[in-house]
Amino acid sequence: MKFKALGLILSAGLALAACDADNSNDKQTSPDDNAQSEVNSGETNKSSDVKSNEDANVTKDSDDNDMDDSNDAEKDDEGQTSSSTATNSEQALAIDDIKSTPDDIIKVIESQKKKGEITDIKFEKENNEWVYKIGQNEGNKHVEYTYGMDSRKLISTEKDNEKDTAINLDKAMNYDDLIKKVKDKVGNNAKVKEWSLDTEDNIPVFKATLLDGTTEHEYNVDPFSGAVTEDK
C-alpha cells in the first residue's frame, strides 16, 4: 500500500510539472511579435536629426507638387491669353483692307431694283466673312439685305412688317469721314471690329468699335455735326 501511495504521488507531481511546461511555452513571444518589437524599437531609437530630415523631405515633396500645379495654371492662363489675342486679331480688319464702302453696296442694291429709304447700315464679320447689312423701308415693309464685302453679292434677305426710322444720307457725312473721326481718336494702327449707322430714340448715330492691339475702343459720332464721344 505504501508503494502504491508513493506511486500516485509521483504521478501527480509529473502531471503538474507537465502543465507548468505547457503554460511556459504558451507565454513565449512569437516571431511576428519579435519583429514588431524590433520595428517599434527602431522608430524609438531614431535620432532627432534623422526624423527632422524625413520631415523636411516630405515638406519638399509637397512644395514641389504645389509649384508644379502653379506652373501648370500659369501655362493655362498664358495659353488662354494667347488664344484670346489671336481671336481678337482675326475679328478686326485694317481700314485700308476694307475693299467696299457702304456706298458701293447701296449702288448694287439700287441696280437690282431694290429701292427704298435707308434705315440702318452695319459692317461686321459673320460666318467668317466680312459683310454689310443694309436695312431699308420698302413700301410697308422693312427689308435687311446682307452682302459680302469682297464679292458684293447678296447673301441673305430678311423682311418684317414693321418700318424703321429712315436716315437722310444726303445730309449725313460720308463713311470715309466718319471712320476717320474715330481712327484719329484711336491711332493710325487702329483696326475695325464693327460699326453701324442706326437711330437711337429717333436720333441717328454712327457707332464704331476699333481695335488698337488688343484694346477695344468704342466711339459714337454724330453723322451730321461730326461730334465724337467715347462710348463708356
C-alpha atoms as a PDB file:
ATOM      1  CA  MET A   1       0.000   0.000   0.000  1.00  0.00           C
ATOM      2  CA  LYS A   2       2.840   2.397   0.765  1.00  0.00           C
ATOM      3  CA  PHE A   3       4.347   1.763  -2.663  1.00  0.00           C
ATOM      4  CA  LYS A   4       1.018   2.422  -4.375  1.00  0.00           C
ATOM      5  CA  ALA A   5       0.554   5.666  -2.482  1.00  0.00           C
ATOM      6  CA  LEU A   6       4.067   6.766  -3.344  1.00  0.00           C
ATOM      7  CA  GLY A   7       3.444   5.926  -6.993  1.00  0.00           C
ATOM      8  CA  LEU A   8       0.310   8.048  -7.075  1.00  0.00           C
ATOM      9  CA  ILE A   9       2.135  10.999  -5.512  1.00  0.00           C
ATOM     10  CA  LEU A  10       4.929  10.762  -8.111  1.00  0.00           C
ATOM     11  CA  SER A  11       2.391  10.561 -10.971  1.00  0.00           C
ATOM     12  CA  ALA A  12       0.583  13.645  -9.686  1.00  0.00           C
ATOM     13  CA  GLY A  13       3.882  15.538  -9.441  1.00  0.00           C
ATOM     14  CA  LEU A  14       4.834  14.673 -13.025  1.00  0.00           C
ATOM     15  CA  ALA A  15       1.422  15.807 -14.282  1.00  0.00           C
ATOM     16  CA  LEU A  16       1.768  19.192 -12.534  1.00  0.00           C
ATOM     17  CA  ALA A  17       5.252  19.637 -13.967  1.00  0.00           C
ATOM     18  CA  ALA A  18       3.946  18.965 -17.493  1.00  0.00           C
ATOM     19  CA  CYS A  19       1.196  21.576 -17.050  1.00  0.00           C
ATOM     20  CA  ASP A  20       3.720  24.215 -15.952  1.00  0.00           C
ATOM     21  CA  ALA A  21       5.859  23.492 -19.025  1.00  0.00           C
ATOM     22  CA  ASP A  22       2.871  23.979 -21.354  1.00  0.00           C
ATOM     23  CA  ASN A  23       1.999  27.285 -19.707  1.00  0.00           C
ATOM     24  CA  SER A  24       5.587  28.460 -20.084  1.00  0.00           C
ATOM     25  CA  ASN A  25       5.570  27.611 -23.822  1.00  0.00           C
ATOM     26  CA  ASP A  26       2.291  29.497 -24.309  1.00  0.00           C
ATOM     27  CA  LYS A  27       3.838  32.656 -22.866  1.00  0.00           C
ATOM     28  CA  GLN A  28       6.829  32.620 -25.276  1.00  0.00           C
ATOM     29  CA  THR A  29       6.809  35.525 -27.836  1.00  0.00           C
ATOM     30  CA  SER A  30       6.006  34.626 -31.447  1.00  0.00           C
ATOM     31  CA  PRO A  31       8.431  35.630 -34.282  1.00  0.00           C
ATOM     32  CA  ASP A  32       5.935  38.234 -35.558  1.00  0.00           C
ATOM     33  CA  ASP A  33       5.783  39.836 -32.127  1.00  0.00           C
ATOM     34  CA  ASN A  34       9.590  39.943 -32.029  1.00  0.00           C
ATOM     35  CA  ALA A  35       9.706  41.633 -35.464  1.00  0.00           C
ATOM     36  CA  GLN A  36       7.127  44.256 -34.454  1.00  0.00           C
ATOM     37  CA  SER A  37       9.084  44.912 -31.301  1.00  0.00           C
ATOM     38  CA  GLU A  38      12.261  45.491 -33.296  1.00  0.00           C
ATOM     39  CA  VAL A  39      10.414  47.961 -35.617  1.00  0.00           C
ATOM     40  CA  ASN A  40       8.984  49.869 -32.676  1.00  0.00           C
ATOM     41  CA  SER A  41      12.375  49.895 -31.032  1.00  0.00           C
ATOM     42  CA  GLY A  42      13.983  51.184 -34.250  1.00  0.00           C
ATOM     43  CA  GLU A  43      11.440  54.001 -34.521  1.00  0.00           C
ATOM     44  CA  THR A  44      12.028  54.906 -30.881  1.00  0.00           C
ATOM     45  CA  ASN A  45      15.808  54.891 -31.272  1.00  0.00           C
ATOM     46  CA  LYS A  46      15.829  57.130 -34.391  1.00  0.00           C
ATOM     47  CA  SER A  47      17.825  60.261 -33.819  1.00  0.00           C
ATOM     48  CA  SER A  48      16.087  63.625 -33.935  1.00  0.00           C
ATOM     49  CA  ASP A  49      18.267  64.581 -36.962  1.00  0.00           C
ATOM     50  CA  VAL A  50      17.001  61.588 -38.971  1.00  0.00           C
ATOM     51  CA  LYS A  51      13.367  62.386 -38.148  1.00  0.00           C
ATOM     52  CA  SER A  52      13.968  66.060 -38.996  1.00  0.00           C
ATOM     53  CA  ASN A  53      15.418  65.109 -42.399  1.00  0.00           C
ATOM     54  CA  GLU A  54      12.468  62.844 -43.145  1.00  0.00           C
ATOM     55  CA  ASP A  55      10.000  65.591 -42.256  1.00  0.00           C
ATOM     56  CA  ALA A  56      11.939  68.056 -44.435  1.00  0.00           C
ATOM     57  CA  ASN A  57      11.783  65.649 -47.401  1.00  0.00           C
ATOM     58  CA  VAL A  58       8.021  65.299 -47.015  1.00  0.00           C
ATOM     59  CA  THR A  59       7.621  69.087 -46.928  1.00  0.00           C
ATOM     60  CA  LYS A  60       9.852  69.489 -50.012  1.00  0.00           C
ATOM     61  CA  ASP A  61       7.829  66.946 -51.982  1.00  0.00           C
ATOM     62  CA  SER A  62       4.647  68.800 -51.067  1.00  0.00           C
ATOM     63  CA  ASP A  63       6.167  72.166 -52.085  1.00  0.00           C
ATOM     64  CA  ASP A  64       7.379  70.698 -55.394  1.00  0.00           C
ATOM     65  CA  ASN A  65       3.884  69.425 -56.158  1.00  0.00           C
ATOM     66  CA  ASP A  66       2.403  72.834 -55.342  1.00  0.00           C
ATOM     67  CA  MET A  67       4.977  74.503 -57.632  1.00  0.00           C
ATOM     68  CA  ASP A  68       4.123  72.118 -60.474  1.00  0.00           C
ATOM     69  CA  ASP A  69       0.421  72.880 -60.054  1.00  0.00           C
ATOM     70  CA  SER A  70       1.171  76.619 -60.065  1.00  0.00           C
ATOM     71  CA  ASN A  71       3.293  76.343 -63.235  1.00  0.00           C
ATOM     72  CA  ASP A  72       0.553  74.362 -64.968  1.00  0.00           C
ATOM     73  CA  ALA A  73      -2.017  77.011 -64.034  1.00  0.00           C
ATOM     74  CA  GLU A  74       0.243  79.787 -65.374  1.00  0.00           C
ATOM     75  CA  LYS A  75       0.732  77.924 -68.661  1.00  0.00           C
ATOM     76  CA  ASP A  76      -3.048  77.506 -68.992  1.00  0.00           C
ATOM     77  CA  ASP A  77      -3.547  81.252 -68.418  1.00  0.00           C
ATOM     78  CA  GLU A  78      -0.855  82.085 -70.988  1.00  0.00           C
ATOM     79  CA  GLY A  79      -2.499  79.754 -73.484  1.00  0.00           C
ATOM     80  CA  GLN A  80      -5.901  81.347 -72.934  1.00  0.00           C
ATOM     81  CA  THR A  81      -4.445  84.874 -73.274  1.00  0.00           C
ATOM     82  CA  SER A  82      -2.651  83.938 -76.480  1.00  0.00           C
ATOM     83  CA  SER A  83      -5.818  82.363 -77.861  1.00  0.00           C
ATOM     84  CA  SER A  84      -7.876  85.414 -76.897  1.00  0.00           C
ATOM     85  CA  THR A  85      -5.359  87.772 -78.569  1.00  0.00           C
ATOM     86  CA  ALA A  86      -5.412  85.715 -81.762  1.00  0.00           C
ATOM     87  CA  THR A  87      -9.223  85.694 -81.765  1.00  0.00           C
ATOM     88  CA  ASN A  88      -9.413  89.494 -81.372  1.00  0.00           C
ATOM     89  CA  SER A  89      -6.900  89.966 -84.177  1.00  0.00           C
ATOM     90  CA  GLU A  90      -8.913  87.737 -86.507  1.00  0.00           C
ATOM     91  CA  GLN A  91     -12.091  89.665 -85.740  1.00  0.00           C
ATOM     92  CA  ALA A  92     -10.645  93.031 -86.781  1.00  0.00           C
ATOM     93  CA  LEU A  93      -9.788  94.433 -90.193  1.00  0.00           C
ATOM     94  CA  ALA A  94      -7.317  97.146 -91.151  1.00  0.00           C
ATOM     95  CA  ILE A  95      -9.144 100.154 -92.535  1.00  0.00           C
ATOM     96  CA  ASP A  96      -7.085 100.088 -95.718  1.00  0.00           C
ATOM     97  CA  ASP A  97      -8.196  96.469 -96.280  1.00  0.00           C
ATOM     98  CA  ILE A  98     -11.888  97.383 -96.461  1.00  0.00           C
ATOM     99  CA  LYS A  99     -12.485  96.771-100.164  1.00  0.00           C
ATOM    100  CA  SER A 100     -16.056  98.035-100.454  1.00  0.00           C
ATOM    101  CA  THR A 101     -17.694 101.072 -98.909  1.00  0.00           C
ATOM    102  CA  PRO A 102     -21.361 101.204 -97.913  1.00  0.00           C
ATOM    103  CA  ASP A 103     -21.962 103.465-100.943  1.00  0.00           C
ATOM    104  CA  ASP A 104     -20.676 100.670-103.186  1.00  0.00           C
ATOM    105  CA  ILE A 105     -23.191  98.207-101.717  1.00  0.00           C
ATOM    106  CA  ILE A 106     -26.060 100.696-101.887  1.00  0.00           C
ATOM    107  CA  LYS A 107     -25.356 101.201-105.605  1.00  0.00           C
ATOM    108  CA  VAL A 108     -25.526  97.429-106.121  1.00  0.00           C
ATOM    109  CA  ILE A 109     -28.886  97.314-104.311  1.00  0.00           C
ATOM    110  CA  GLU A 110     -30.262 100.145-106.433  1.00  0.00           C
ATOM    111  CA  SER A 111     -29.036  98.470-109.610  1.00  0.00           C
ATOM    112  CA  GLN A 112     -31.032  95.394-108.626  1.00  0.00           C
ATOM    113  CA  LYS A 113     -34.226  97.462-108.416  1.00  0.00           C
ATOM    114  CA  LYS A 114     -34.386  97.239-104.621  1.00  0.00           C
ATOM    115  CA  LYS A 115     -35.058 100.883-103.905  1.00  0.00           C
ATOM    116  CA  GLY A 116     -36.154 102.209-100.531  1.00  0.00           C
ATOM    117  CA  GLU A 117     -35.403 104.566 -97.627  1.00  0.00           C
ATOM    118  CA  ILE A 118     -32.190 103.562 -95.806  1.00  0.00           C
ATOM    119  CA  THR A 119     -32.811 102.939 -92.107  1.00  0.00           C
ATOM    120  CA  ASP A 120     -29.529 101.388 -90.962  1.00  0.00           C
ATOM    121  CA  ILE A 121     -26.145 100.158 -92.167  1.00  0.00           C
ATOM    122  CA  LYS A 122     -23.917  97.657 -90.371  1.00  0.00           C
ATOM    123  CA  PHE A 123     -20.432  96.370 -91.081  1.00  0.00           C
ATOM    124  CA  GLU A 124     -19.303  93.236 -89.214  1.00  0.00           C
ATOM    125  CA  LYS A 125     -17.819  89.764 -89.528  1.00  0.00           C
ATOM    126  CA  GLU A 126     -20.382  86.987 -89.842  1.00  0.00           C
ATOM    127  CA  ASN A 127     -19.706  83.299 -90.530  1.00  0.00           C
ATOM    128  CA  ASN A 128     -16.041  84.136 -91.079  1.00  0.00           C
ATOM    129  CA  GLU A 129     -16.863  86.703 -93.772  1.00  0.00           C
ATOM    130  CA  TRP A 130     -16.948  90.483 -93.672  1.00  0.00           C
ATOM    131  CA  VAL A 131     -20.404  91.697 -94.635  1.00  0.00           C
ATOM    132  CA  TYR A 132     -22.566  94.761 -94.978  1.00  0.00           C
ATOM    133  CA  LYS A 133     -26.142  94.691 -93.703  1.00  0.00           C
ATOM    134  CA  ILE A 134     -28.302  97.337 -95.319  1.00  0.00           C
ATOM    135  CA  GLY A 135     -31.777  97.954 -93.884  1.00  0.00           C
ATOM    136  CA  GLN A 136     -34.400  99.963 -95.705  1.00  0.00           C
ATOM    137  CA  ASN A 137     -38.120 100.583 -95.830  1.00  0.00           C
ATOM    138  CA  GLU A 138     -39.784  99.289 -98.960  1.00  0.00           C
ATOM    139  CA  GLY A 139     -43.467 100.196 -99.066  1.00  0.00           C
ATOM    140  CA  ASN A 140     -44.982  98.980 -95.789  1.00  0.00           C
ATOM    141  CA  LYS A 141     -42.170  96.538 -95.047  1.00  0.00           C
ATOM    142  CA  HIS A 142     -38.663  96.703 -93.649  1.00  0.00           C
ATOM    143  CA  VAL A 143     -36.039  94.668 -95.516  1.00  0.00           C
ATOM    144  CA  GLU A 144     -32.474  93.887 -94.497  1.00  0.00           C
ATOM    145  CA  TYR A 145     -30.011  92.780 -97.169  1.00  0.00           C
ATOM    146  CA  THR A 146     -26.702  91.110 -96.341  1.00  0.00           C
ATOM    147  CA  TYR A 147     -23.917  91.494 -98.919  1.00  0.00           C
ATOM    148  CA  GLY A 148     -20.352  90.204 -98.906  1.00  0.00           C
ATOM    149  CA  MET A 149     -17.734  92.935 -98.675  1.00  0.00           C
ATOM    150  CA  ASP A 150     -15.397  91.249-101.165  1.00  0.00           C
ATOM    151  CA  SER A 151     -17.896  89.757-103.594  1.00  0.00           C
ATOM    152  CA  ARG A 152     -20.597  92.446-103.304  1.00  0.00           C
ATOM    153  CA  LYS A 153     -23.061  89.602-103.813  1.00  0.00           C
ATOM    154  CA  LEU A 154     -26.332  89.139-101.970  1.00  0.00           C
ATOM    155  CA  ILE A 155     -26.036  86.557 -99.174  1.00  0.00           C
ATOM    156  CA  SER A 156     -29.436  86.771 -97.479  1.00  0.00           C
ATOM    157  CA  THR A 157     -32.629  88.793 -97.204  1.00  0.00           C
ATOM    158  CA  GLU A 158     -34.810  89.308 -94.127  1.00  0.00           C
ATOM    159  CA  LYS A 159     -38.189  91.017 -94.096  1.00  0.00           C
ATOM    160  CA  ASP A 160     -40.696  92.138 -91.467  1.00  0.00           C
ATOM    161  CA  ASN A 161     -43.872  94.198 -91.489  1.00  0.00           C
ATOM    162  CA  GLU A 162     -42.662  96.997 -89.199  1.00  0.00           C
ATOM    163  CA  LYS A 163     -40.999 100.027 -90.763  1.00  0.00           C
ATOM    164  CA  ASP A 164     -37.989 101.685 -89.084  1.00  0.00           C
ATOM    165  CA  THR A 165     -36.936 105.316 -88.875  1.00  0.00           C
ATOM    166  CA  ALA A 166     -35.223 106.395 -92.090  1.00  0.00           C
ATOM    167  CA  ILE A 167     -31.895 108.276 -92.183  1.00  0.00           C
ATOM    168  CA  ASN A 168     -31.327 111.152 -94.614  1.00  0.00           C
ATOM    169  CA  LEU A 169     -27.974 110.076 -96.053  1.00  0.00           C
ATOM    170  CA  ASP A 170     -27.851 113.119 -98.326  1.00  0.00           C
ATOM    171  CA  LYS A 171     -27.271 115.322 -95.267  1.00  0.00           C
ATOM    172  CA  ALA A 172     -25.036 112.917 -93.368  1.00  0.00           C
ATOM    173  CA  MET A 173     -21.241 112.779 -93.547  1.00  0.00           C
ATOM    174  CA  ASN A 174     -19.871 110.087 -95.832  1.00  0.00           C
ATOM    175  CA  TYR A 175     -18.410 106.876 -94.451  1.00  0.00           C
ATOM    176  CA  ASP A 176     -14.750 107.810 -95.046  1.00  0.00           C
ATOM    177  CA  ASP A 177     -15.077 110.968 -92.940  1.00  0.00           C
ATOM    178  CA  LEU A 178     -16.981 109.192 -90.162  1.00  0.00           C
ATOM    179  CA  ILE A 179     -14.489 106.347 -89.771  1.00  0.00           C
ATOM    180  CA  LYS A 180     -11.582 108.809 -89.908  1.00  0.00           C
ATOM    181  CA  LYS A 181     -13.100 110.701 -86.958  1.00  0.00           C
ATOM    182  CA  VAL A 182     -12.848 107.551 -84.857  1.00  0.00           C
ATOM    183  CA  LYS A 183      -9.451 106.491 -86.208  1.00  0.00           C
ATOM    184  CA  ASP A 184      -7.986 109.849 -85.194  1.00  0.00           C
ATOM    185  CA  LYS A 185      -9.063 109.103 -81.617  1.00  0.00           C
ATOM    186  CA  VAL A 186      -7.639 105.578 -81.536  1.00  0.00           C
ATOM    187  CA  GLY A 187      -4.452 105.892 -83.612  1.00  0.00           C
ATOM    188  CA  ASN A 188      -3.006 105.025 -87.002  1.00  0.00           C
ATOM    189  CA  ASN A 189      -2.766 101.295 -86.168  1.00  0.00           C
ATOM    190  CA  ALA A 190      -6.483 101.048 -85.444  1.00  0.00           C
ATOM    191  CA  LYS A 191      -8.446  98.168 -86.946  1.00  0.00           C
ATOM    192  CA  VAL A 192     -12.200  97.957 -87.406  1.00  0.00           C
ATOM    193  CA  LYS A 193     -14.085  95.303 -85.467  1.00  0.00           C
ATOM    194  CA  GLU A 194     -17.563  96.573 -86.385  1.00  0.00           C
ATOM    195  CA  TRP A 195     -19.526  99.729 -86.999  1.00  0.00           C
ATOM    196  CA  SER A 196     -23.128 100.746 -87.548  1.00  0.00           C
ATOM    197  CA  LEU A 197     -25.191 103.729 -88.631  1.00  0.00           C
ATOM    198  CA  ASP A 198     -28.562 103.496 -86.923  1.00  0.00           C
ATOM    199  CA  THR A 199     -31.065 105.515 -84.901  1.00  0.00           C
ATOM    200  CA  GLU A 200     -31.417 105.577 -81.136  1.00  0.00           C
ATOM    201  CA  ASP A 201     -34.540 107.324 -79.836  1.00  0.00           C
ATOM    202  CA  ASN A 202     -35.055 108.551 -83.414  1.00  0.00           C
ATOM    203  CA  ILE A 203     -31.608 110.207 -83.420  1.00  0.00           C
ATOM    204  CA  PRO A 204     -29.085 108.929 -85.991  1.00  0.00           C
ATOM    205  CA  VAL A 205     -25.729 107.842 -84.570  1.00  0.00           C
ATOM    206  CA  PHE A 206     -22.603 106.285 -86.058  1.00  0.00           C
ATOM    207  CA  LYS A 207     -21.141 103.730 -83.610  1.00  0.00           C
ATOM    208  CA  ALA A 208     -17.736 102.167 -84.222  1.00  0.00           C
ATOM    209  CA  THR A 209     -15.657  99.616 -82.325  1.00  0.00           C
ATOM    210  CA  LEU A 210     -11.967  99.794 -83.223  1.00  0.00           C
ATOM    211  CA  LEU A 211      -9.081  97.682 -82.007  1.00  0.00           C
ATOM    212  CA  ASP A 212      -5.666  99.068 -81.087  1.00  0.00           C
ATOM    213  CA  GLY A 213      -3.524  95.981 -80.499  1.00  0.00           C
ATOM    214  CA  THR A 214      -5.745  94.007 -78.125  1.00  0.00           C
ATOM    215  CA  THR A 215      -7.566  97.020 -76.665  1.00  0.00           C
ATOM    216  CA  GLU A 216     -11.089  97.832 -77.836  1.00  0.00           C
ATOM    217  CA  HIS A 217     -12.251 101.419 -78.232  1.00  0.00           C
ATOM    218  CA  GLU A 218     -15.884 102.361 -78.791  1.00  0.00           C
ATOM    219  CA  TYR A 219     -16.906 105.784 -80.053  1.00  0.00           C
ATOM    220  CA  ASN A 220     -20.116 107.466 -81.147  1.00  0.00           C
ATOM    221  CA  VAL A 221     -20.177 110.070 -83.902  1.00  0.00           C
ATOM    222  CA  ASP A 222     -22.965 112.457 -84.786  1.00  0.00           C
ATOM    223  CA  PRO A 223     -23.288 111.766 -88.543  1.00  0.00           C
ATOM    224  CA  PHE A 224     -24.368 115.356 -89.215  1.00  0.00           C
ATOM    225  CA  SER A 225     -22.141 117.508 -86.995  1.00  0.00           C
ATOM    226  CA  GLY A 226     -19.191 115.117 -86.685  1.00  0.00           C
ATOM    227  CA  ALA A 227     -19.074 115.419 -82.873  1.00  0.00           C
ATOM    228  CA  VAL A 228     -17.252 112.422 -81.314  1.00  0.00           C
ATOM    229  CA  THR A 229     -17.935 110.955 -77.896  1.00  0.00           C
ATOM    230  CA  GLU A 230     -16.475 107.889 -76.237  1.00  0.00           C
ATOM    231  CA  ASP A 231     -18.975 105.124 -75.572  1.00  0.00           C
ATOM    232  CA  LYS A 232     -18.284 104.057 -71.950  1.00  0.00           C
END
